[in-house]
mmCIF file of all heavy atoms, coordinates in Angstrom:
data_MODEL
# 
_entry.id   MODEL 
# 
loop_
_atom_site.group_PDB 
_atom_site.id 
_atom_site.type_symbol 
_atom_site.label_atom_id 
_atom_site.label_alt_id 
_atom_site.label_comp_id 
_atom_site.label_asym_id 
_atom_site.label_entity_id 
_atom_site.label_seq_id 
_atom_site.pdbx_PDB_ins_code 
_atom_site.Cartn_x 
_atom_site.Cartn_y 
_atom_site.Cartn_z 
_atom_site.occupancy 
_atom_site.B_iso_or_equiv 
_atom_site.pdbx_formal_charge 
_atom_site.auth_seq_id 
_atom_site.auth_comp_id 
_atom_site.auth_asym_id 
_atom_site.auth_atom_id 
_atom_site.pdbx_PDB_model_num 
ATOM 1   N N   . ASP A 1 1  ? 0.834  -1.198 -0.037  1.00 0.00 ? 1  ASP A N   1 
ATOM 2   C CA  . ASP A 1 1  ? 0.017  -0.003 0.006   1.00 0.00 ? 1  ASP A CA  1 
ATOM 3   C C   . ASP A 1 1  ? 0.872  1.258  0.014   1.00 0.00 ? 1  ASP A C   1 
ATOM 4   O O   . ASP A 1 1  ? 0.383  2.345  -0.056  1.00 0.00 ? 1  ASP A O   1 
ATOM 5   C CB  . ASP A 1 1  ? -0.908 -0.024 1.229   1.00 0.00 ? 1  ASP A CB  1 
ATOM 6   C CG  . ASP A 1 1  ? -1.929 -1.079 1.203   1.00 0.00 ? 1  ASP A CG  1 
ATOM 7   O OD1 . ASP A 1 1  ? -2.306 -1.473 0.052   1.00 0.00 ? 1  ASP A OD1 1 
ATOM 8   O OD2 . ASP A 1 1  ? -2.364 -1.544 2.235   1.00 0.00 ? 1  ASP A OD2 1 
ATOM 9   N N   . THR A 1 2  ? 2.175  1.119  -0.005  1.00 0.00 ? 2  THR A N   1 
ATOM 10  C CA  . THR A 1 2  ? 3.124  2.206  0.033   1.00 0.00 ? 2  THR A CA  1 
ATOM 11  C C   . THR A 1 2  ? 3.166  2.771  -1.449  1.00 0.00 ? 2  THR A C   1 
ATOM 12  O O   . THR A 1 2  ? 3.340  2.049  -2.370  1.00 0.00 ? 2  THR A O   1 
ATOM 13  C CB  . THR A 1 2  ? 4.511  1.842  0.494   1.00 0.00 ? 2  THR A CB  1 
ATOM 14  O OG1 . THR A 1 2  ? 4.359  1.260  1.843   1.00 0.00 ? 2  THR A OG1 1 
ATOM 15  C CG2 . THR A 1 2  ? 5.434  2.994  0.501   1.00 0.00 ? 2  THR A CG2 1 
ATOM 16  N N   . VAL A 1 3  ? 3.141  4.108  -1.485  1.00 0.00 ? 3  VAL A N   1 
ATOM 17  C CA  . VAL A 1 3  ? 3.314  4.716  -2.839  1.00 0.00 ? 3  VAL A CA  1 
ATOM 18  C C   . VAL A 1 3  ? 4.818  5.000  -3.038  1.00 0.00 ? 3  VAL A C   1 
ATOM 19  O O   . VAL A 1 3  ? 5.352  5.853  -2.395  1.00 0.00 ? 3  VAL A O   1 
ATOM 20  C CB  . VAL A 1 3  ? 2.478  5.998  -2.989  1.00 0.00 ? 3  VAL A CB  1 
ATOM 21  C CG1 . VAL A 1 3  ? 2.780  6.644  -4.341  1.00 0.00 ? 3  VAL A CG1 1 
ATOM 22  C CG2 . VAL A 1 3  ? 1.019  5.773  -2.809  1.00 0.00 ? 3  VAL A CG2 1 
ATOM 23  N N   . PRO A 1 4  ? 5.467  4.253  -3.951  1.00 0.00 ? 4  PRO A N   1 
ATOM 24  C CA  . PRO A 1 4  ? 6.895  4.453  -4.114  1.00 0.00 ? 4  PRO A CA  1 
ATOM 25  C C   . PRO A 1 4  ? 7.198  5.747  -4.821  1.00 0.00 ? 4  PRO A C   1 
ATOM 26  O O   . PRO A 1 4  ? 6.458  6.361  -5.448  1.00 0.00 ? 4  PRO A O   1 
ATOM 27  C CB  . PRO A 1 4  ? 7.270  3.267  -5.015  1.00 0.00 ? 4  PRO A CB  1 
ATOM 28  C CG  . PRO A 1 4  ? 6.070  2.978  -5.790  1.00 0.00 ? 4  PRO A CG  1 
ATOM 29  C CD  . PRO A 1 4  ? 4.896  3.281  -4.862  1.00 0.00 ? 4  PRO A CD  1 
ATOM 30  N N   . GLY A 1 5  ? 8.427  6.225  -4.528  1.00 0.00 ? 5  GLY A N   1 
ATOM 31  C CA  . GLY A 1 5  ? 8.842  7.495  -5.173  1.00 0.00 ? 5  GLY A CA  1 
ATOM 32  C C   . GLY A 1 5  ? 9.463  7.198  -6.529  1.00 0.00 ? 5  GLY A C   1 
ATOM 33  O O   . GLY A 1 5  ? 9.071  6.231  -7.202  1.00 0.00 ? 5  GLY A O   1 
ATOM 34  N N   . MET A 1 6  ? 10.352 8.095  -6.887  1.00 0.00 ? 6  MET A N   1 
ATOM 35  C CA  . MET A 1 6  ? 11.083 7.836  -8.152  1.00 0.00 ? 6  MET A CA  1 
ATOM 36  C C   . MET A 1 6  ? 12.562 7.897  -7.976  1.00 0.00 ? 6  MET A C   1 
ATOM 37  O O   . MET A 1 6  ? 13.208 8.865  -8.036  1.00 0.00 ? 6  MET A O   1 
ATOM 38  C CB  . MET A 1 6  ? 10.691 8.997  -9.159  1.00 0.00 ? 6  MET A CB  1 
ATOM 39  C CG  . MET A 1 6  ? 9.247  8.984  -9.517  1.00 0.00 ? 6  MET A CG  1 
ATOM 40  S SD  . MET A 1 6  ? 8.758  10.308 -10.692 1.00 0.00 ? 6  MET A SD  1 
ATOM 41  C CE  . MET A 1 6  ? 9.556  9.599  -12.202 1.00 0.00 ? 6  MET A CE  1 
ATOM 42  N N   . PRO A 1 7  ? 13.094 6.704  -7.551  1.00 0.00 ? 7  PRO A N   1 
ATOM 43  C CA  . PRO A 1 7  ? 14.469 6.595  -7.113  1.00 0.00 ? 7  PRO A CA  1 
ATOM 44  C C   . PRO A 1 7  ? 15.490 6.951  -8.133  1.00 0.00 ? 7  PRO A C   1 
ATOM 45  O O   . PRO A 1 7  ? 16.691 7.215  -7.824  1.00 0.00 ? 7  PRO A O   1 
ATOM 46  C CB  . PRO A 1 7  ? 14.613 5.135  -6.621  1.00 0.00 ? 7  PRO A CB  1 
ATOM 47  C CG  . PRO A 1 7  ? 13.549 4.442  -7.393  1.00 0.00 ? 7  PRO A CG  1 
ATOM 48  C CD  . PRO A 1 7  ? 12.416 5.379  -7.471  1.00 0.00 ? 7  PRO A CD  1 
ATOM 49  N N   . CYS A 1 8  ? 15.078 6.928  -9.367  1.00 0.00 ? 8  CYS A N   1 
ATOM 50  C CA  . CYS A 1 8  ? 16.002 7.176  -10.526 1.00 0.00 ? 8  CYS A CA  1 
ATOM 51  C C   . CYS A 1 8  ? 15.809 8.515  -11.226 1.00 0.00 ? 8  CYS A C   1 
ATOM 52  O O   . CYS A 1 8  ? 16.277 8.803  -12.256 1.00 0.00 ? 8  CYS A O   1 
ATOM 53  C CB  . CYS A 1 8  ? 16.004 6.075  -11.574 1.00 0.00 ? 8  CYS A CB  1 
ATOM 54  S SG  . CYS A 1 8  ? 16.448 4.451  -10.890 1.00 0.00 ? 8  CYS A SG  1 
ATOM 55  N N   . GLY A 1 9  ? 15.092 9.412  -10.482 1.00 0.00 ? 9  GLY A N   1 
ATOM 56  C CA  . GLY A 1 9  ? 14.854 10.770 -10.999 1.00 0.00 ? 9  GLY A CA  1 
ATOM 57  C C   . GLY A 1 9  ? 13.745 10.833 -12.059 1.00 0.00 ? 9  GLY A C   1 
ATOM 58  O O   . GLY A 1 9  ? 13.051 9.893  -12.278 1.00 0.00 ? 9  GLY A O   1 
ATOM 59  N N   . PRO A 1 10 ? 13.554 12.041 -12.617 1.00 0.00 ? 10 PRO A N   1 
ATOM 60  C CA  . PRO A 1 10 ? 12.459 12.317 -13.491 1.00 0.00 ? 10 PRO A CA  1 
ATOM 61  C C   . PRO A 1 10 ? 12.379 11.489 -14.792 1.00 0.00 ? 10 PRO A C   1 
ATOM 62  O O   . PRO A 1 10 ? 11.323 11.355 -15.370 1.00 0.00 ? 10 PRO A O   1 
ATOM 63  C CB  . PRO A 1 10 ? 12.593 13.844 -13.830 1.00 0.00 ? 10 PRO A CB  1 
ATOM 64  C CG  . PRO A 1 10 ? 13.981 14.153 -13.601 1.00 0.00 ? 10 PRO A CG  1 
ATOM 65  C CD  . PRO A 1 10 ? 14.414 13.283 -12.501 1.00 0.00 ? 10 PRO A CD  1 
ATOM 66  N N   . LEU A 1 11 ? 13.490 10.913 -15.288 1.00 0.00 ? 11 LEU A N   1 
ATOM 67  C CA  . LEU A 1 11 ? 13.484 10.063 -16.453 1.00 0.00 ? 11 LEU A CA  1 
ATOM 68  C C   . LEU A 1 11 ? 13.363 8.574  -16.089 1.00 0.00 ? 11 LEU A C   1 
ATOM 69  O O   . LEU A 1 11 ? 13.272 7.725  -17.006 1.00 0.00 ? 11 LEU A O   1 
ATOM 70  C CB  . LEU A 1 11 ? 14.797 10.310 -17.249 1.00 0.00 ? 11 LEU A CB  1 
ATOM 71  C CG  . LEU A 1 11 ? 15.079 11.698 -17.744 1.00 0.00 ? 11 LEU A CG  1 
ATOM 72  C CD1 . LEU A 1 11 ? 16.255 11.657 -18.738 1.00 0.00 ? 11 LEU A CD1 1 
ATOM 73  C CD2 . LEU A 1 11 ? 13.888 12.379 -18.343 1.00 0.00 ? 11 LEU A CD2 1 
ATOM 74  N N   . GLY A 1 12 ? 13.284 8.314  -14.805 1.00 0.00 ? 12 GLY A N   1 
ATOM 75  C CA  . GLY A 1 12 ? 13.230 6.890  -14.372 1.00 0.00 ? 12 GLY A CA  1 
ATOM 76  C C   . GLY A 1 12 ? 11.792 6.431  -14.102 1.00 0.00 ? 12 GLY A C   1 
ATOM 77  O O   . GLY A 1 12 ? 10.817 7.173  -14.342 1.00 0.00 ? 12 GLY A O   1 
ATOM 78  N N   . VAL A 1 13 ? 11.754 5.138  -13.677 1.00 0.00 ? 13 VAL A N   1 
ATOM 79  C CA  . VAL A 1 13 ? 10.450 4.534  -13.345 1.00 0.00 ? 13 VAL A CA  1 
ATOM 80  C C   . VAL A 1 13 ? 9.830  5.201  -12.153 1.00 0.00 ? 13 VAL A C   1 
ATOM 81  O O   . VAL A 1 13 ? 10.467 5.824  -11.367 1.00 0.00 ? 13 VAL A O   1 
ATOM 82  C CB  . VAL A 1 13 ? 10.644 3.036  -13.019 1.00 0.00 ? 13 VAL A CB  1 
ATOM 83  C CG1 . VAL A 1 13 ? 11.130 2.296  -14.301 1.00 0.00 ? 13 VAL A CG1 1 
ATOM 84  C CG2 . VAL A 1 13 ? 11.642 2.833  -11.905 1.00 0.00 ? 13 VAL A CG2 1 
ATOM 85  N N   . GLY A 1 14 ? 8.494  5.128  -12.151 1.00 0.00 ? 14 GLY A N   1 
ATOM 86  C CA  . GLY A 1 14 ? 7.741  5.729  -11.091 1.00 0.00 ? 14 GLY A CA  1 
ATOM 87  C C   . GLY A 1 14 ? 6.486  5.013  -10.807 1.00 0.00 ? 14 GLY A C   1 
ATOM 88  O O   . GLY A 1 14 ? 6.134  4.029  -11.522 1.00 0.00 ? 14 GLY A O   1 
ATOM 89  N N   . PRO A 1 15 ? 5.684  5.397  -9.804  1.00 0.00 ? 15 PRO A N   1 
ATOM 90  C CA  . PRO A 1 15 ? 4.449  4.678  -9.466  1.00 0.00 ? 15 PRO A CA  1 
ATOM 91  C C   . PRO A 1 15 ? 3.361  4.859  -10.520 1.00 0.00 ? 15 PRO A C   1 
ATOM 92  O O   . PRO A 1 15 ? 2.435  4.105  -10.504 1.00 0.00 ? 15 PRO A O   1 
ATOM 93  C CB  . PRO A 1 15 ? 4.041  5.381  -8.139  1.00 0.00 ? 15 PRO A CB  1 
ATOM 94  C CG  . PRO A 1 15 ? 4.645  6.707  -8.169  1.00 0.00 ? 15 PRO A CG  1 
ATOM 95  C CD  . PRO A 1 15 ? 5.928  6.515  -8.909  1.00 0.00 ? 15 PRO A CD  1 
ATOM 96  N N   . ALA A 1 16 ? 3.491  5.810  -11.429 1.00 0.00 ? 16 ALA A N   1 
ATOM 97  C CA  . ALA A 1 16 ? 2.514  6.029  -12.540 1.00 0.00 ? 16 ALA A CA  1 
ATOM 98  C C   . ALA A 1 16 ? 3.277  6.517  -13.736 1.00 0.00 ? 16 ALA A C   1 
ATOM 99  O O   . ALA A 1 16 ? 4.396  6.982  -13.613 1.00 0.00 ? 16 ALA A O   1 
ATOM 100 C CB  . ALA A 1 16 ? 1.477  7.002  -12.078 1.00 0.00 ? 16 ALA A CB  1 
ATOM 101 N N   . GLY A 1 17 ? 2.615  6.331  -14.860 1.00 0.00 ? 17 GLY A N   1 
ATOM 102 C CA  . GLY A 1 17 ? 3.256  6.822  -16.090 1.00 0.00 ? 17 GLY A CA  1 
ATOM 103 C C   . GLY A 1 17 ? 4.071  5.801  -16.757 1.00 0.00 ? 17 GLY A C   1 
ATOM 104 O O   . GLY A 1 17 ? 4.239  4.664  -16.294 1.00 0.00 ? 17 GLY A O   1 
ATOM 105 N N   . ASP A 1 18 ? 4.584  6.109  -17.886 1.00 0.00 ? 18 ASP A N   1 
ATOM 106 C CA  . ASP A 1 18 ? 5.320  5.182  -18.749 1.00 0.00 ? 18 ASP A CA  1 
ATOM 107 C C   . ASP A 1 18 ? 6.492  5.937  -19.430 1.00 0.00 ? 18 ASP A C   1 
ATOM 108 O O   . ASP A 1 18 ? 6.250  6.707  -20.390 1.00 0.00 ? 18 ASP A O   1 
ATOM 109 C CB  . ASP A 1 18 ? 4.366  4.576  -19.795 1.00 0.00 ? 18 ASP A CB  1 
ATOM 110 C CG  . ASP A 1 18 ? 5.000  3.427  -20.538 1.00 0.00 ? 18 ASP A CG  1 
ATOM 111 O OD1 . ASP A 1 18 ? 6.116  2.934  -20.149 1.00 0.00 ? 18 ASP A OD1 1 
ATOM 112 O OD2 . ASP A 1 18 ? 4.438  3.013  -21.576 1.00 0.00 ? 18 ASP A OD2 1 
ATOM 113 N N   . ARG A 1 19 ? 7.686  5.752  -18.915 1.00 0.00 ? 19 ARG A N   1 
ATOM 114 C CA  . ARG A 1 19 ? 8.895  6.528  -19.420 1.00 0.00 ? 19 ARG A CA  1 
ATOM 115 C C   . ARG A 1 19 ? 9.816  5.478  -19.962 1.00 0.00 ? 19 ARG A C   1 
ATOM 116 O O   . ARG A 1 19 ? 10.350 4.636  -19.245 1.00 0.00 ? 19 ARG A O   1 
ATOM 117 C CB  . ARG A 1 19 ? 9.506  7.347  -18.355 1.00 0.00 ? 19 ARG A CB  1 
ATOM 118 C CG  . ARG A 1 19 ? 8.635  8.551  -17.855 1.00 0.00 ? 19 ARG A CG  1 
ATOM 119 C CD  . ARG A 1 19 ? 9.046  9.168  -16.572 1.00 0.00 ? 19 ARG A CD  1 
ATOM 120 N NE  . ARG A 1 19 ? 8.750  8.324  -15.492 1.00 0.00 ? 19 ARG A NE  1 
ATOM 121 C CZ  . ARG A 1 19 ? 7.483  8.271  -14.883 1.00 0.00 ? 19 ARG A CZ  1 
ATOM 122 N NH1 . ARG A 1 19 ? 6.577  9.085  -15.335 1.00 0.00 ? 19 ARG A NH1 1 
ATOM 123 N NH2 . ARG A 1 19 ? 7.283  7.468  -13.906 1.00 0.00 ? 19 ARG A NH2 1 
ATOM 124 N N   . VAL A 1 20 ? 10.088 5.498  -21.252 1.00 0.00 ? 20 VAL A N   1 
ATOM 125 C CA  . VAL A 1 20 ? 10.909 4.478  -21.890 1.00 0.00 ? 20 VAL A CA  1 
ATOM 126 C C   . VAL A 1 20 ? 11.989 5.007  -22.785 1.00 0.00 ? 20 VAL A C   1 
ATOM 127 O O   . VAL A 1 20 ? 11.915 6.214  -23.174 1.00 0.00 ? 20 VAL A O   1 
ATOM 128 C CB  . VAL A 1 20 ? 10.062 3.504  -22.708 1.00 0.00 ? 20 VAL A CB  1 
ATOM 129 C CG1 . VAL A 1 20 ? 8.981  2.808  -21.828 1.00 0.00 ? 20 VAL A CG1 1 
ATOM 130 C CG2 . VAL A 1 20 ? 9.318  4.223  -23.859 1.00 0.00 ? 20 VAL A CG2 1 
ATOM 131 N N   . PHE A 1 21 ? 12.921 4.216  -23.098 1.00 0.00 ? 21 PHE A N   1 
ATOM 132 C CA  . PHE A 1 21 ? 14.055 4.532  -24.056 1.00 0.00 ? 21 PHE A CA  1 
ATOM 133 C C   . PHE A 1 21 ? 14.055 3.521  -25.166 1.00 0.00 ? 21 PHE A C   1 
ATOM 134 O O   . PHE A 1 21 ? 13.790 2.279  -24.945 1.00 0.00 ? 21 PHE A O   1 
ATOM 135 C CB  . PHE A 1 21 ? 15.388 4.489  -23.297 1.00 0.00 ? 21 PHE A CB  1 
ATOM 136 C CG  . PHE A 1 21 ? 15.496 5.527  -22.232 1.00 0.00 ? 21 PHE A CG  1 
ATOM 137 C CD1 . PHE A 1 21 ? 14.982 5.257  -20.923 1.00 0.00 ? 21 PHE A CD1 1 
ATOM 138 C CD2 . PHE A 1 21 ? 16.240 6.716  -22.425 1.00 0.00 ? 21 PHE A CD2 1 
ATOM 139 C CE1 . PHE A 1 21 ? 15.102 6.255  -19.932 1.00 0.00 ? 21 PHE A CE1 1 
ATOM 140 C CE2 . PHE A 1 21 ? 16.324 7.614  -21.429 1.00 0.00 ? 21 PHE A CE2 1 
ATOM 141 C CZ  . PHE A 1 21 ? 15.799 7.373  -20.149 1.00 0.00 ? 21 PHE A CZ  1 
ATOM 142 N N   . LYS A 1 22 ? 14.384 3.918  -26.400 1.00 0.00 ? 22 LYS A N   1 
ATOM 143 C CA  . LYS A 1 22 ? 14.431 3.050  -27.486 1.00 0.00 ? 22 LYS A CA  1 
ATOM 144 C C   . LYS A 1 22 ? 15.360 3.619  -28.546 1.00 0.00 ? 22 LYS A C   1 
ATOM 145 O O   . LYS A 1 22 ? 15.386 4.810  -28.819 1.00 0.00 ? 22 LYS A O   1 
ATOM 146 C CB  . LYS A 1 22 ? 13.116 2.845  -28.103 1.00 0.00 ? 22 LYS A CB  1 
ATOM 147 C CG  . LYS A 1 22 ? 13.069 1.835  -29.299 1.00 0.00 ? 22 LYS A CG  1 
ATOM 148 C CD  . LYS A 1 22 ? 11.676 1.640  -29.909 1.00 0.00 ? 22 LYS A CD  1 
ATOM 149 C CE  . LYS A 1 22 ? 11.685 0.612  -30.964 1.00 0.00 ? 22 LYS A CE  1 
ATOM 150 N NZ  . LYS A 1 22 ? 10.287 0.369  -31.540 1.00 0.00 ? 22 LYS A NZ  1 
ATOM 151 N N   . VAL A 1 23 ? 16.234 2.699  -29.151 1.00 0.00 ? 23 VAL A N   1 
ATOM 152 C CA  . VAL A 1 23 ? 17.017 3.158  -30.270 1.00 0.00 ? 23 VAL A CA  1 
ATOM 153 C C   . VAL A 1 23 ? 16.085 3.475  -31.455 1.00 0.00 ? 23 VAL A C   1 
ATOM 154 O O   . VAL A 1 23 ? 15.122 2.743  -31.746 1.00 0.00 ? 23 VAL A O   1 
ATOM 155 C CB  . VAL A 1 23 ? 18.021 2.015  -30.750 1.00 0.00 ? 23 VAL A CB  1 
ATOM 156 C CG1 . VAL A 1 23 ? 18.746 2.451  -31.979 1.00 0.00 ? 23 VAL A CG1 1 
ATOM 157 C CG2 . VAL A 1 23 ? 18.942 1.669  -29.582 1.00 0.00 ? 23 VAL A CG2 1 
ATOM 158 N N   . VAL A 1 24 ? 16.238 4.660  -32.008 1.00 0.00 ? 24 VAL A N   1 
ATOM 159 C CA  . VAL A 1 24 ? 15.395 5.149  -33.066 1.00 0.00 ? 24 VAL A CA  1 
ATOM 160 C C   . VAL A 1 24 ? 15.546 4.251  -34.329 1.00 0.00 ? 24 VAL A C   1 
ATOM 161 O O   . VAL A 1 24 ? 16.644 3.995  -34.799 1.00 0.00 ? 24 VAL A O   1 
ATOM 162 C CB  . VAL A 1 24 ? 15.666 6.582  -33.426 1.00 0.00 ? 24 VAL A CB  1 
ATOM 163 C CG1 . VAL A 1 24 ? 14.756 7.078  -34.592 1.00 0.00 ? 24 VAL A CG1 1 
ATOM 164 C CG2 . VAL A 1 24 ? 15.458 7.466  -32.246 1.00 0.00 ? 24 VAL A CG2 1 
ATOM 165 N N   . GLU A 1 25 ? 14.442 3.752  -34.891 1.00 0.00 ? 25 GLU A N   1 
ATOM 166 C CA  . GLU A 1 25 ? 14.507 2.913  -36.012 1.00 0.00 ? 25 GLU A CA  1 
ATOM 167 C C   . GLU A 1 25 ? 15.198 3.587  -37.220 1.00 0.00 ? 25 GLU A C   1 
ATOM 168 O O   . GLU A 1 25 ? 14.886 4.724  -37.541 1.00 0.00 ? 25 GLU A O   1 
ATOM 169 C CB  . GLU A 1 25 ? 13.077 2.518  -36.453 1.00 0.00 ? 25 GLU A CB  1 
ATOM 170 C CG  . GLU A 1 25 ? 13.057 1.497  -37.581 1.00 0.00 ? 25 GLU A CG  1 
ATOM 171 C CD  . GLU A 1 25 ? 11.621 0.973  -37.883 1.00 0.00 ? 25 GLU A CD  1 
ATOM 172 O OE1 . GLU A 1 25 ? 10.691 1.415  -37.207 1.00 0.00 ? 25 GLU A OE1 1 
ATOM 173 O OE2 . GLU A 1 25 ? 11.501 0.228  -38.877 1.00 0.00 ? 25 GLU A OE2 1 
ATOM 174 N N   . GLY A 1 26 ? 16.206 2.863  -37.828 1.00 0.00 ? 26 GLY A N   1 
ATOM 175 C CA  . GLY A 1 26 ? 16.889 3.514  -38.873 1.00 0.00 ? 26 GLY A CA  1 
ATOM 176 C C   . GLY A 1 26 ? 18.035 4.428  -38.494 1.00 0.00 ? 26 GLY A C   1 
ATOM 177 O O   . GLY A 1 26 ? 18.765 4.970  -39.351 1.00 0.00 ? 26 GLY A O   1 
ATOM 178 N N   . HIS A 1 27 ? 18.232 4.617  -37.140 1.00 0.00 ? 27 HIS A N   1 
ATOM 179 C CA  . HIS A 1 27 ? 19.268 5.588  -36.653 1.00 0.00 ? 27 HIS A CA  1 
ATOM 180 C C   . HIS A 1 27 ? 19.916 4.888  -35.442 1.00 0.00 ? 27 HIS A C   1 
ATOM 181 O O   . HIS A 1 27 ? 19.582 5.135  -34.274 1.00 0.00 ? 27 HIS A O   1 
ATOM 182 C CB  . HIS A 1 27 ? 18.645 6.896  -36.239 1.00 0.00 ? 27 HIS A CB  1 
ATOM 183 C CG  . HIS A 1 27 ? 17.992 7.648  -37.332 1.00 0.00 ? 27 HIS A CG  1 
ATOM 184 N ND1 . HIS A 1 27 ? 18.630 8.432  -38.141 1.00 0.00 ? 27 HIS A ND1 1 
ATOM 185 C CD2 . HIS A 1 27 ? 16.682 7.562  -37.758 1.00 0.00 ? 27 HIS A CD2 1 
ATOM 186 C CE1 . HIS A 1 27 ? 17.786 8.967  -39.057 1.00 0.00 ? 27 HIS A CE1 1 
ATOM 187 N NE2 . HIS A 1 27 ? 16.615 8.411  -38.913 1.00 0.00 ? 27 HIS A NE2 1 
ATOM 188 N N   . ALA A 1 28 ? 20.871 3.981  -35.739 1.00 0.00 ? 28 ALA A N   1 
ATOM 189 C CA  . ALA A 1 28 ? 21.553 3.225  -34.707 1.00 0.00 ? 28 ALA A CA  1 
ATOM 190 C C   . ALA A 1 28 ? 22.323 4.052  -33.786 1.00 0.00 ? 28 ALA A C   1 
ATOM 191 O O   . ALA A 1 28 ? 22.724 3.589  -32.671 1.00 0.00 ? 28 ALA A O   1 
ATOM 192 C CB  . ALA A 1 28 ? 22.457 2.144  -35.323 1.00 0.00 ? 28 ALA A CB  1 
# 
């Protein structure tokens, strides 16, 4: 029942939202 924070900062995982990284297709 604990709401976790964002231990990896604003670009990291959090209790809500979807923040992801991906190599751009065609641009290695």
